[in-house]
Amino acid sequence: MAEKSVKDIKVWVIPPKIGNRFIRKHHYSGKIVNNSKIHFGAFLDGILHGVMSLGSPLDKRKVIGLVKDTKWNEMLELNRMAFDKHLPRNSESRCLSIVFKLLRKNTPQVKWILSFADATQCGDGVIYRAAGFKLTGVIPNQNTCRLPSGEVMHKMTLESNPTKRRRELGGKTYYEVTGGKYDFNKYIEVVGGERLTGYQVRYIYLLDKSCEITIPILPYSKIDEVGAGMYKGEKITVAERHASVVQ
């Protein structure tokens, strides 16, 4: 039997229920993003091996200006990518390429895609670089903490729904323990959590190449310059990974 290649992968839109179940199982965070609008599945021999979900950013007002003259419905965030270990090498970038073609054909109003790599827990975005994303930010990140249970909590998760009753707070809400304010430090104190430090790496992909990014596009070497290199949860520079491949 001939060895499978990335050209054998098929990418289709799938129901959110199926996509979210796969993400919970295979994404390093174990969590979904509730405002995801569309899920793409990567199939090999009819079996689901990867999911990419997209939707509006949690606070679109803060990012919509990253590309000039963007209207409210003209951008999406790639908020989850989860793949198992059964696909051939370079499958992720191949699947992203197919997703971009499908978006151009079926949602022509969408001009660009935003995504973030978690260089605090996971990686610095090697897949995005391989897929042609532009690096637009390497941002110090102190917005996550590890709870005593081992679960990792992001500040945005709390602030997107501050009146939700939370198990780790004994049934109280985020607002109840912070006095009705956005106060992540207070939350960490109350739960006895440990703040995690690292970087958030921001990428942009222009579906419409005539669009103009309004902030500086950074060289990929910037990741090593600030010490943000990470791969599969381990600190390692981009240069070191490149050198190991060359050897």
C-alpha atoms as a PDB file:
ATOM      1  CA  MET A   1       0.000   0.000   0.000  1.00  0.00           C
ATOM      2  CA  ALA A   2       1.377   3.396  -1.009  1.00  0.00           C
ATOM      3  CA  GLU A   3       2.328   5.738   1.813  1.00  0.00           C
ATOM      4  CA  LYS A   4      -0.194   8.501   2.382  1.00  0.00           C
ATOM      5  CA  SER A   5       0.709  12.098   1.553  1.00  0.00           C
ATOM      6  CA  VAL A   6      -0.786  15.451   2.455  1.00  0.00           C
ATOM      7  CA  LYS A   7      -2.513  15.441  -0.946  1.00  0.00           C
ATOM      8  CA  ASP A   8      -4.694  12.576   0.282  1.00  0.00           C
ATOM      9  CA  ILE A   9      -6.216  14.752   3.034  1.00  0.00           C
ATOM     10  CA  LYS A  10      -9.735  16.080   2.516  1.00  0.00           C
ATOM     11  CA  VAL A  11     -11.018  19.172   4.345  1.00  0.00           C
ATOM     12  CA  TRP A  12     -14.731  19.716   4.896  1.00  0.00           C
ATOM     13  CA  VAL A  13     -16.965  21.838   7.093  1.00  0.00           C
ATOM     14  CA  ILE A  14     -18.187  19.735  10.012  1.00  0.00           C
ATOM     15  CA  PRO A  15     -20.865  20.196  12.711  1.00  0.00           C
ATOM     16  CA  PRO A  16     -19.669  22.126  15.784  1.00  0.00           C
ATOM     17  CA  LYS A  17     -20.603  19.226  18.073  1.00  0.00           C
ATOM     18  CA  ILE A  18     -18.178  16.911  16.285  1.00  0.00           C
ATOM     19  CA  GLY A  19     -15.463  19.563  16.028  1.00  0.00           C
ATOM     20  CA  ASN A  20     -15.692  20.556  19.680  1.00  0.00           C
ATOM     21  CA  ARG A  21     -15.570  16.942  20.857  1.00  0.00           C
ATOM     22  CA  PHE A  22     -12.338  16.430  18.875  1.00  0.00           C
ATOM     23  CA  ILE A  23     -10.829  19.698  20.171  1.00  0.00           C
ATOM     24  CA  ARG A  24     -11.540  18.805  23.793  1.00  0.00           C
ATOM     25  CA  LYS A  25      -9.732  15.508  23.272  1.00  0.00           C
ATOM     26  CA  HIS A  26      -6.729  16.651  21.245  1.00  0.00           C
ATOM     27  CA  HIS A  27      -6.048  20.347  21.944  1.00  0.00           C
ATOM     28  CA  TYR A  28      -3.399  20.923  24.619  1.00  0.00           C
ATOM     29  CA  SER A  29      -5.801  23.133  26.610  1.00  0.00           C
ATOM     30  CA  GLY A  30      -8.660  20.644  26.544  1.00  0.00           C
ATOM     31  CA  LYS A  31     -10.981  23.605  25.993  1.00  0.00           C
ATOM     32  CA  ILE A  32     -13.119  24.931  23.148  1.00  0.00           C
ATOM     33  CA  VAL A  33     -13.908  28.543  22.231  1.00  0.00           C
ATOM     34  CA  ASN A  34     -17.639  29.066  22.624  1.00  0.00           C
ATOM     35  CA  ASN A  35     -17.938  31.775  19.986  1.00  0.00           C
ATOM     36  CA  SER A  36     -16.454  29.666  17.188  1.00  0.00           C
ATOM     37  CA  LYS A  37     -18.676  29.971  14.120  1.00  0.00           C
ATOM     38  CA  ILE A  38     -17.272  27.398  11.736  1.00  0.00           C
ATOM     39  CA  HIS A  39     -15.335  24.157  12.128  1.00  0.00           C
ATOM     40  CA  PHE A  40     -13.260  22.510   9.407  1.00  0.00           C
ATOM     41  CA  GLY A  41     -12.342  18.853   9.681  1.00  0.00           C
ATOM     42  CA  ALA A  42      -9.261  17.190   8.175  1.00  0.00           C
ATOM     43  CA  PHE A  43      -9.989  13.655   6.987  1.00  0.00           C
ATOM     44  CA  LEU A  44      -7.734  10.845   5.805  1.00  0.00           C
ATOM     45  CA  ASP A  45      -9.449   7.744   4.433  1.00  0.00           C
ATOM     46  CA  GLY A  46     -12.720   9.125   5.744  1.00  0.00           C
ATOM     47  CA  ILE A  47     -11.496   9.379   9.349  1.00  0.00           C
ATOM     48  CA  LEU A  48     -11.320  12.704  11.203  1.00  0.00           C
ATOM     49  CA  HIS A  49      -7.753  13.539  12.269  1.00  0.00           C
ATOM     50  CA  GLY A  50      -7.782  17.317  12.701  1.00  0.00           C
ATOM     51  CA  VAL A  51     -10.050  20.283  13.406  1.00  0.00           C
ATOM     52  CA  MET A  52      -9.658  24.025  12.794  1.00  0.00           C
ATOM     53  CA  SER A  53     -12.263  26.350  14.321  1.00  0.00           C
ATOM     54  CA  LEU A  54     -12.800  30.023  13.517  1.00  0.00           C
ATOM     55  CA  GLY A  55     -14.989  32.763  14.933  1.00  0.00           C
ATOM     56  CA  SER A  56     -15.069  36.356  16.099  1.00  0.00           C
ATOM     57  CA  PRO A  57     -12.370  37.401  18.597  1.00  0.00           C
ATOM     58  CA  LEU A  58     -13.618  37.739  22.170  1.00  0.00           C
ATOM     59  CA  ASP A  59     -13.006  41.506  21.972  1.00  0.00           C
ATOM     60  CA  LYS A  60     -13.046  42.394  18.284  1.00  0.00           C
ATOM     61  CA  ARG A  61     -12.816  46.125  19.015  1.00  0.00           C
ATOM     62  CA  LYS A  62      -9.212  45.673  20.146  1.00  0.00           C
ATOM     63  CA  VAL A  63      -8.024  43.925  16.977  1.00  0.00           C
ATOM     64  CA  ILE A  64     -10.220  45.055  14.082  1.00  0.00           C
ATOM     65  CA  GLY A  65      -7.900  47.996  13.398  1.00  0.00           C
ATOM     66  CA  LEU A  66      -4.892  45.759  12.793  1.00  0.00           C
ATOM     67  CA  VAL A  67      -5.857  45.768   9.109  1.00  0.00           C
ATOM     68  CA  LYS A  68      -6.874  49.056   7.492  1.00  0.00           C
ATOM     69  CA  ASP A  69     -10.569  49.815   6.903  1.00  0.00           C
ATOM     70  CA  THR A  70     -11.806  46.451   8.164  1.00  0.00           C
ATOM     71  CA  LYS A  71     -15.573  46.235   8.490  1.00  0.00           C
ATOM     72  CA  TRP A  72     -17.147  44.310  11.358  1.00  0.00           C
ATOM     73  CA  ASN A  73     -17.783  41.125   9.341  1.00  0.00           C
ATOM     74  CA  GLU A  74     -14.519  41.127   7.369  1.00  0.00           C
ATOM     75  CA  MET A  75     -12.202  39.220   9.699  1.00  0.00           C
ATOM     76  CA  LEU A  76     -12.137  35.995  11.702  1.00  0.00           C
ATOM     77  CA  GLU A  77      -9.896  34.529  14.361  1.00  0.00           C
ATOM     78  CA  LEU A  78      -8.473  31.050  13.960  1.00  0.00           C
ATOM     79  CA  ASN A  79      -8.968  30.193  17.615  1.00  0.00           C
ATOM     80  CA  ARG A  80      -8.280  26.455  17.747  1.00  0.00           C
ATOM     81  CA  MET A  81      -6.190  23.974  15.783  1.00  0.00           C
ATOM     82  CA  ALA A  82      -6.077  20.393  16.994  1.00  0.00           C
ATOM     83  CA  PHE A  83      -4.563  17.451  15.122  1.00  0.00           C
ATOM     84  CA  ASP A  84      -3.823  13.907  16.189  1.00  0.00           C
ATOM     85  CA  LYS A  85      -0.603  12.087  15.285  1.00  0.00           C
ATOM     86  CA  HIS A  86      -1.887  10.060  12.342  1.00  0.00           C
ATOM     87  CA  LEU A  87      -1.506  12.568   9.503  1.00  0.00           C
ATOM     88  CA  PRO A  88       1.612  12.935   7.311  1.00  0.00           C
ATOM     89  CA  ARG A  89       4.198  15.631   7.946  1.00  0.00           C
ATOM     90  CA  ASN A  90       3.207  19.192   6.972  1.00  0.00           C
ATOM     91  CA  SER A  91      -0.499  18.317   7.152  1.00  0.00           C
ATOM     92  CA  GLU A  92      -1.380  21.367   9.241  1.00  0.00           C
ATOM     93  CA  SER A  93      -0.073  23.922   6.743  1.00  0.00           C
ATOM     94  CA  ARG A  94      -1.668  21.953   3.883  1.00  0.00           C
ATOM     95  CA  CYS A  95      -5.024  21.974   5.664  1.00  0.00           C
ATOM     96  CA  LEU A  96      -4.799  25.697   6.384  1.00  0.00           C
ATOM     97  CA  SER A  97      -4.155  26.332   2.705  1.00  0.00           C
ATOM     98  CA  ILE A  98      -7.338  24.437   1.817  1.00  0.00           C
ATOM     99  CA  VAL A  99      -9.322  26.299   4.491  1.00  0.00           C
ATOM    100  CA  PHE A 100      -8.187  29.641   3.071  1.00  0.00           C
ATOM    101  CA  LYS A 101      -9.299  28.598  -0.425  1.00  0.00           C
ATOM    102  CA  LEU A 102     -12.693  27.557   0.909  1.00  0.00           C
ATOM    103  CA  LEU A 103     -13.112  30.840   2.772  1.00  0.00           C
ATOM    104  CA  ARG A 104     -12.216  32.889  -0.317  1.00  0.00           C
ATOM    105  CA  LYS A 105     -14.782  30.964  -2.358  1.00  0.00           C
ATOM    106  CA  ASN A 106     -17.647  30.762   0.133  1.00  0.00           C
ATOM    107  CA  THR A 107     -17.179  33.799   2.408  1.00  0.00           C
ATOM    108  CA  PRO A 108     -15.643  36.446   0.128  1.00  0.00           C
ATOM    109  CA  GLN A 109     -16.477  39.176   2.637  1.00  0.00           C
ATOM    110  CA  VAL A 110     -13.805  37.813   5.013  1.00  0.00           C
ATOM    111  CA  LYS A 111     -10.557  39.626   4.186  1.00  0.00           C
ATOM    112  CA  TRP A 112      -8.128  38.368   6.803  1.00  0.00           C
ATOM    113  CA  ILE A 113      -7.478  35.886   9.588  1.00  0.00           C
ATOM    114  CA  LEU A 114      -6.033  36.584  13.024  1.00  0.00           C
ATOM    115  CA  SER A 115      -4.428  33.935  15.199  1.00  0.00           C
ATOM    116  CA  PHE A 116      -2.332  33.693  18.345  1.00  0.00           C
ATOM    117  CA  ALA A 117       0.301  31.157  19.333  1.00  0.00           C
ATOM    118  CA  ASP A 118       0.622  30.357  23.024  1.00  0.00           C
ATOM    119  CA  ALA A 119       4.340  30.559  23.745  1.00  0.00           C
ATOM    120  CA  THR A 120       3.572  30.256  27.437  1.00  0.00           C
ATOM    121  CA  GLN A 121       2.347  26.661  27.335  1.00  0.00           C
ATOM    122  CA  CYS A 122       2.488  25.286  23.797  1.00  0.00           C
ATOM    123  CA  GLY A 123       4.457  26.795  20.911  1.00  0.00           C
ATOM    124  CA  ASP A 124       5.512  29.933  19.053  1.00  0.00           C
ATOM    125  CA  GLY A 125       3.530  29.305  15.856  1.00  0.00           C
ATOM    126  CA  VAL A 126       5.726  27.228  13.555  1.00  0.00           C
ATOM    127  CA  ILE A 127       2.589  26.066  11.704  1.00  0.00           C
ATOM    128  CA  TYR A 128       1.504  29.647  11.061  1.00  0.00           C
ATOM    129  CA  ARG A 129       4.900  30.574   9.699  1.00  0.00           C
ATOM    130  CA  ALA A 130       4.852  27.557   7.388  1.00  0.00           C
ATOM    131  CA  ALA A 131       1.395  28.608   6.175  1.00  0.00           C
ATOM    132  CA  GLY A 132       2.535  32.147   5.301  1.00  0.00           C
ATOM    133  CA  PHE A 133       1.121  34.154   8.206  1.00  0.00           C
ATOM    134  CA  LYS A 134       2.749  37.508   8.983  1.00  0.00           C
ATOM    135  CA  LEU A 135       4.233  37.950  12.445  1.00  0.00           C
ATOM    136  CA  THR A 136       2.822  41.134  13.991  1.00  0.00           C
ATOM    137  CA  GLY A 137       3.489  40.840  17.697  1.00  0.00           C
ATOM    138  CA  VAL A 138       5.482  38.992  20.366  1.00  0.00           C
ATOM    139  CA  ILE A 139       3.687  40.086  23.503  1.00  0.00           C
ATOM    140  CA  PRO A 140       4.639  39.313  27.125  1.00  0.00           C
ATOM    141  CA  ASN A 141       1.823  37.247  28.607  1.00  0.00           C
ATOM    142  CA  GLN A 142       0.875  37.222  32.273  1.00  0.00           C
ATOM    143  CA  ASN A 143      -2.799  36.518  31.682  1.00  0.00           C
ATOM    144  CA  THR A 144      -2.844  32.826  32.570  1.00  0.00           C
ATOM    145  CA  CYS A 145      -2.589  30.981  35.851  1.00  0.00           C
ATOM    146  CA  ARG A 146      -2.491  27.370  36.967  1.00  0.00           C
ATOM    147  CA  LEU A 147      -5.120  26.426  39.521  1.00  0.00           C
ATOM    148  CA  PRO A 148      -4.334  24.031  42.397  1.00  0.00           C
ATOM    149  CA  SER A 149      -6.245  21.369  40.422  1.00  0.00           C
ATOM    150  CA  GLY A 150      -3.744  21.726  37.556  1.00  0.00           C
ATOM    151  CA  GLU A 151      -6.249  23.403  35.251  1.00  0.00           C
ATOM    152  CA  VAL A 152      -4.947  26.486  33.422  1.00  0.00           C
ATOM    153  CA  MET A 153      -7.214  29.525  33.405  1.00  0.00           C
ATOM    154  CA  HIS A 154      -6.930  32.518  31.073  1.00  0.00           C
ATOM    155  CA  LYS A 155      -7.955  35.989  32.147  1.00  0.00           C
ATOM    156  CA  MET A 156     -10.099  36.412  29.026  1.00  0.00           C
ATOM    157  CA  THR A 157     -12.144  33.331  29.915  1.00  0.00           C
ATOM    158  CA  LEU A 158     -13.142  34.978  33.181  1.00  0.00           C
ATOM    159  CA  GLU A 159     -13.760  38.439  31.788  1.00  0.00           C
ATOM    160  CA  SER A 160     -15.846  37.222  28.868  1.00  0.00           C
ATOM    161  CA  ASN A 161     -18.435  35.909  31.353  1.00  0.00           C
ATOM    162  CA  PRO A 162     -17.746  37.488  34.765  1.00  0.00           C
ATOM    163  CA  THR A 163     -21.164  36.619  36.225  1.00  0.00           C
ATOM    164  CA  LYS A 164     -20.865  32.876  35.617  1.00  0.00           C
ATOM    165  CA  ARG A 165     -20.692  30.786  38.776  1.00  0.00           C
ATOM    166  CA  ARG A 166     -17.356  29.014  38.933  1.00  0.00           C
ATOM    167  CA  ARG A 167     -16.471  25.717  40.550  1.00  0.00           C
ATOM    168  CA  GLU A 168     -12.976  26.832  41.614  1.00  0.00           C
ATOM    169  CA  LEU A 169     -14.548  29.805  43.416  1.00  0.00           C
ATOM    170  CA  GLY A 170     -16.925  27.624  45.399  1.00  0.00           C
ATOM    171  CA  GLY A 171     -19.883  28.651  43.258  1.00  0.00           C
ATOM    172  CA  LYS A 172     -19.159  32.366  43.373  1.00  0.00           C
ATOM    173  CA  THR A 173     -18.671  34.481  40.250  1.00  0.00           C
ATOM    174  CA  TYR A 174     -15.551  36.319  39.131  1.00  0.00           C
ATOM    175  CA  TYR A 175     -17.258  39.634  39.889  1.00  0.00           C
ATOM    176  CA  GLU A 176     -18.250  38.475  43.367  1.00  0.00           C
ATOM    177  CA  VAL A 177     -14.646  37.886  44.413  1.00  0.00           C
ATOM    178  CA  THR A 178     -13.249  40.990  42.680  1.00  0.00           C
ATOM    179  CA  GLY A 179     -15.877  43.490  43.784  1.00  0.00           C
ATOM    180  CA  GLY A 180     -17.340  43.865  40.306  1.00  0.00           C
ATOM    181  CA  LYS A 181     -13.998  44.673  38.654  1.00  0.00           C
ATOM    182  CA  TYR A 182     -11.618  43.038  36.213  1.00  0.00           C
ATOM    183  CA  ASP A 183      -8.982  42.026  38.766  1.00  0.00           C
ATOM    184  CA  PHE A 184      -7.045  38.934  37.715  1.00  0.00           C
ATOM    185  CA  ASN A 185      -4.578  39.358  40.593  1.00  0.00           C
ATOM    186  CA  LYS A 186      -7.442  39.080  43.088  1.00  0.00           C
ATOM    187  CA  TYR A 187      -8.753  35.974  41.356  1.00  0.00           C
ATOM    188  CA  ILE A 188      -5.325  34.308  41.556  1.00  0.00           C
ATOM    189  CA  GLU A 189      -5.102  35.183  45.242  1.00  0.00           C
ATOM    190  CA  VAL A 190      -8.554  33.791  46.021  1.00  0.00           C
ATOM    191  CA  VAL A 191      -8.054  30.484  44.183  1.00  0.00           C
ATOM    192  CA  GLY A 192      -4.453  30.047  45.336  1.00  0.00           C
ATOM    193  CA  GLY A 193      -3.258  29.917  41.754  1.00  0.00           C
ATOM    194  CA  GLU A 194       0.192  30.270  40.206  1.00  0.00           C
ATOM    195  CA  ARG A 195       0.670  32.915  37.533  1.00  0.00           C
ATOM    196  CA  LEU A 196       2.277  31.585  34.358  1.00  0.00           C
ATOM    197  CA  THR A 197       4.636  33.837  32.424  1.00  0.00           C
ATOM    198  CA  GLY A 198       5.624  33.651  28.793  1.00  0.00           C
ATOM    199  CA  TYR A 199       4.601  35.167  25.476  1.00  0.00           C
ATOM    200  CA  GLN A 200       1.637  35.450  23.156  1.00  0.00           C
ATOM    201  CA  VAL A 201       2.682  35.513  19.506  1.00  0.00           C
ATOM    202  CA  ARG A 202       0.271  37.259  17.114  1.00  0.00           C
ATOM    203  CA  TYR A 203      -0.071  36.363  13.437  1.00  0.00           C
ATOM    204  CA  ILE A 204      -2.160  37.724  10.549  1.00  0.00           C
ATOM    205  CA  TYR A 205      -2.991  36.077   7.230  1.00  0.00           C
ATOM    206  CA  LEU A 206      -4.412  38.237   4.443  1.00  0.00           C
ATOM    207  CA  LEU A 207      -6.986  36.368   2.384  1.00  0.00           C
ATOM    208  CA  ASP A 208      -7.306  39.549   0.341  1.00  0.00           C
ATOM    209  CA  LYS A 209      -3.745  40.501  -0.566  1.00  0.00           C
ATOM    210  CA  SER A 210      -4.798  44.082  -1.335  1.00  0.00           C
ATOM    211  CA  CYS A 211      -5.481  44.695   2.368  1.00  0.00           C
ATOM    212  CA  GLU A 212      -2.983  46.690   4.391  1.00  0.00           C
ATOM    213  CA  ILE A 213      -1.726  45.680   7.825  1.00  0.00           C
ATOM    214  CA  THR A 214      -1.544  48.825   9.953  1.00  0.00           C
ATOM    215  CA  ILE A 215       1.215  47.728  12.340  1.00  0.00           C
ATOM    216  CA  PRO A 216       4.815  46.698  11.649  1.00  0.00           C
ATOM    217  CA  ILE A 217       5.361  43.230  10.216  1.00  0.00           C
ATOM    218  CA  LEU A 218       8.149  41.641  12.231  1.00  0.00           C
ATOM    219  CA  PRO A 219      10.866  39.263  11.060  1.00  0.00           C
ATOM    220  CA  TYR A 220      10.473  35.762  12.462  1.00  0.00           C
ATOM    221  CA  SER A 221      13.847  36.258  14.157  1.00  0.00           C
ATOM    222  CA  LYS A 222      12.056  38.581  16.597  1.00  0.00           C
ATOM    223  CA  ILE A 223      10.818  35.477  18.417  1.00  0.00           C
ATOM    224  CA  ASP A 224      14.359  34.489  19.347  1.00  0.00           C
ATOM    225  CA  GLU A 225      15.356  38.087  19.998  1.00  0.00           C
ATOM    226  CA  VAL A 226      12.927  38.365  22.916  1.00  0.00           C
ATOM    227  CA  GLY A 227      13.324  34.759  24.089  1.00  0.00           C
ATOM    228  CA  ALA A 228       9.854  33.568  23.112  1.00  0.00           C
ATOM    229  CA  GLY A 229      10.855  30.385  21.270  1.00  0.00           C
ATOM    230  CA  MET A 230       8.834  27.321  22.263  1.00  0.00           C
ATOM    231  CA  TYR A 231       7.898  24.029  20.629  1.00  0.00           C
ATOM    232  CA  LYS A 232       5.486  21.459  22.106  1.00  0.00           C
ATOM    233  CA  GLY A 233       5.666  23.155  25.491  1.00  0.00           C
ATOM    234  CA  GLU A 234       9.466  23.200  25.673  1.00  0.00           C
ATOM    235  CA  LYS A 235      11.632  26.309  25.466  1.00  0.00           C
ATOM    236  CA  ILE A 236      13.722  26.144  22.298  1.00  0.00           C
ATOM    237  CA  THR A 237      14.725  28.830  19.825  1.00  0.00           C
ATOM    238  CA  VAL A 238      13.652  28.949  16.192  1.00  0.00           C
ATOM    239  CA  ALA A 239      17.341  28.968  15.231  1.00  0.00           C
ATOM    240  CA  GLU A 240      18.039  25.769  17.195  1.00  0.00           C
ATOM    241  CA  ARG A 241      15.165  23.980  15.487  1.00  0.00           C
ATOM    242  CA  HIS A 242      16.363  25.149  12.077  1.00  0.00           C
ATOM    243  CA  ALA A 243      19.900  23.954  12.829  1.00  0.00           C
ATOM    244  CA  SER A 244      18.683  20.491  13.866  1.00  0.00           C
ATOM    245  CA  VAL A 245      16.749  20.132  10.601  1.00  0.00           C
ATOM    246  CA  VAL A 246      19.764  21.196   8.508  1.00  0.00           C
ATOM    247  CA  GLN A 247      22.007  18.687  10.285  1.00  0.00           C
END
